[in-house]
Amino acid sequence: HHRELEEWLSSRDVNCDNCKVSVFPGGLRGLASTRRASTGTVLLKVPLKSCLLTCDFDHSIFEGAAPSWSMGLPNKVQLALQVLHHHQGNNNGEESLLDS
């Protein structure tokens, strides 16, 4: 399963040269630093296009931000809508409910 996560990160242009895929207690998979890091050290670089964005600001400049109609909703709800949007789009290739 490590390879799948590495491929997923790579396909989204995530730079995690200072991290490795690890399994933590309880079976949780994630990234662990491969070196000691002091405060302010960049361990992971994620392009904005690969991030889920809330609509707390002028979202029109950020492709993929939560739809403007969701601006009044809590951030957790906006992010949940984004996850559903991406999941739906990846599963059936049709337009998401958020786009209609």
Protein backbone atom coordinates (compact mmCIF):
# COMPACT_ATOMS: atom_id res chain seq x y z
CA HIS A 1 0.00 0.00 0.00
CA HIS A 2 2.99 2.31 0.42
CA ARG A 3 3.49 2.46 -3.32
CA GLU A 4 -0.15 3.49 -3.90
CA LEU A 5 0.19 6.48 -1.56
CA GLU A 6 3.52 7.47 -3.10
CA GLU A 7 1.98 7.32 -6.60
CA TRP A 8 -1.07 9.32 -5.44
CA LEU A 9 1.14 12.05 -3.98
CA SER A 10 3.36 12.11 -7.06
CA SER A 11 0.36 12.37 -9.41
CA ARG A 12 -0.62 15.56 -7.57
CA ASP A 13 2.89 17.08 -7.76
CA VAL A 14 3.39 16.82 -4.00
CA ASN A 15 7.05 17.14 -3.03
CA CYS A 16 7.75 15.01 0.00
CA ASP A 17 11.46 14.38 -0.46
CA ASN A 18 12.01 14.84 3.28
CA CYS A 19 9.31 12.32 4.23
CA LYS A 20 8.56 8.64 3.82
CA VAL A 21 5.34 6.68 3.86
CA SER A 22 4.98 5.05 7.25
CA VAL A 23 2.53 2.99 9.24
CA PHE A 24 1.79 4.36 12.70
CA PRO A 25 0.30 2.64 15.76
CA GLY A 26 -3.24 1.52 15.05
CA GLY A 27 -2.45 0.92 11.37
CA LEU A 28 -2.79 4.55 10.30
CA ARG A 29 -0.76 5.32 7.16
CA GLY A 30 0.85 8.68 6.68
CA LEU A 31 4.10 10.54 6.17
CA ALA A 32 6.98 10.67 8.64
CA SER A 33 9.99 12.95 8.44
CA THR A 34 13.18 11.26 7.28
CA ARG A 35 15.39 13.70 9.20
CA ARG A 36 15.41 15.92 12.24
CA ALA A 37 13.70 19.19 11.54
CA SER A 38 13.79 22.45 13.40
CA THR A 39 10.90 24.90 13.58
CA GLY A 40 10.25 26.38 10.16
CA THR A 41 11.80 23.54 8.15
CA VAL A 42 9.70 22.68 5.09
CA LEU A 43 9.04 18.95 4.98
CA LEU A 44 6.21 18.82 2.47
CA LYS A 45 5.25 21.02 -0.47
CA VAL A 46 1.72 20.74 -1.83
CA PRO A 47 0.70 22.80 -4.87
CA LEU A 48 -2.38 24.95 -4.35
CA LYS A 49 -4.15 23.08 -7.18
CA SER A 50 -3.94 19.93 -5.05
CA CYS A 51 -5.49 21.49 -1.94
CA LEU A 52 -9.08 21.59 -0.79
CA LEU A 53 -9.97 25.24 -0.26
CA THR A 54 -12.71 26.89 1.72
CA CYS A 55 -14.47 29.98 0.47
CA ASP A 56 -13.38 32.49 3.13
CA PHE A 57 -11.86 34.84 0.59
CA ASP A 58 -12.19 35.78 -3.06
CA HIS A 59 -12.36 32.19 -4.29
CA SER A 60 -12.58 33.21 -7.93
CA ILE A 61 -8.79 33.31 -8.17
CA PHE A 62 -8.39 29.77 -6.84
CA GLU A 63 -9.48 26.96 -9.12
CA GLY A 64 -11.10 24.23 -7.09
CA ALA A 65 -12.20 26.38 -4.16
CA ALA A 66 -15.50 25.60 -2.52
CA PRO A 67 -18.44 27.14 -4.41
CA SER A 68 -19.33 30.70 -3.42
CA TRP A 69 -22.80 29.63 -2.24
CA SER A 70 -21.10 27.67 0.56
CA MET A 71 -19.29 30.73 1.97
CA GLY A 72 -21.63 31.02 4.97
CA LEU A 73 -21.15 27.38 5.96
CA PRO A 74 -18.55 26.27 8.52
CA ASN A 75 -15.14 25.40 7.05
CA LYS A 76 -15.54 21.72 7.96
CA VAL A 77 -18.75 21.57 5.93
CA GLN A 78 -17.12 23.32 2.96
CA LEU A 79 -14.24 20.83 3.04
CA ALA A 80 -16.65 17.89 3.30
CA LEU A 81 -18.48 19.22 0.22
CA GLN A 82 -15.16 19.44 -1.63
CA VAL A 83 -14.33 15.82 -0.75
CA LEU A 84 -17.74 14.68 -2.00
CA HIS A 85 -17.30 16.76 -5.14
CA HIS A 86 -13.94 15.19 -5.95
CA HIS A 87 -15.08 11.69 -5.03
CA GLN A 88 -18.17 11.94 -7.22
CA GLY A 89 -16.21 13.36 -10.14
CA ASN A 90 -13.61 10.59 -9.93
CA ASN A 91 -16.15 7.79 -9.75
CA ASN A 92 -18.50 8.39 -12.63
CA GLY A 93 -17.01 11.12 -14.80
CA GLU A 94 -20.21 13.17 -14.64
CA GLU A 95 -20.63 16.73 -13.48
CA SER A 96 -20.75 17.02 -9.71
CA LEU A 97 -23.86 18.14 -7.86
CA LEU A 98 -21.86 21.13 -6.64
CA ASP A 99 -21.43 22.32 -10.23
CA SER A 100 -25.11 22.19 -11.11
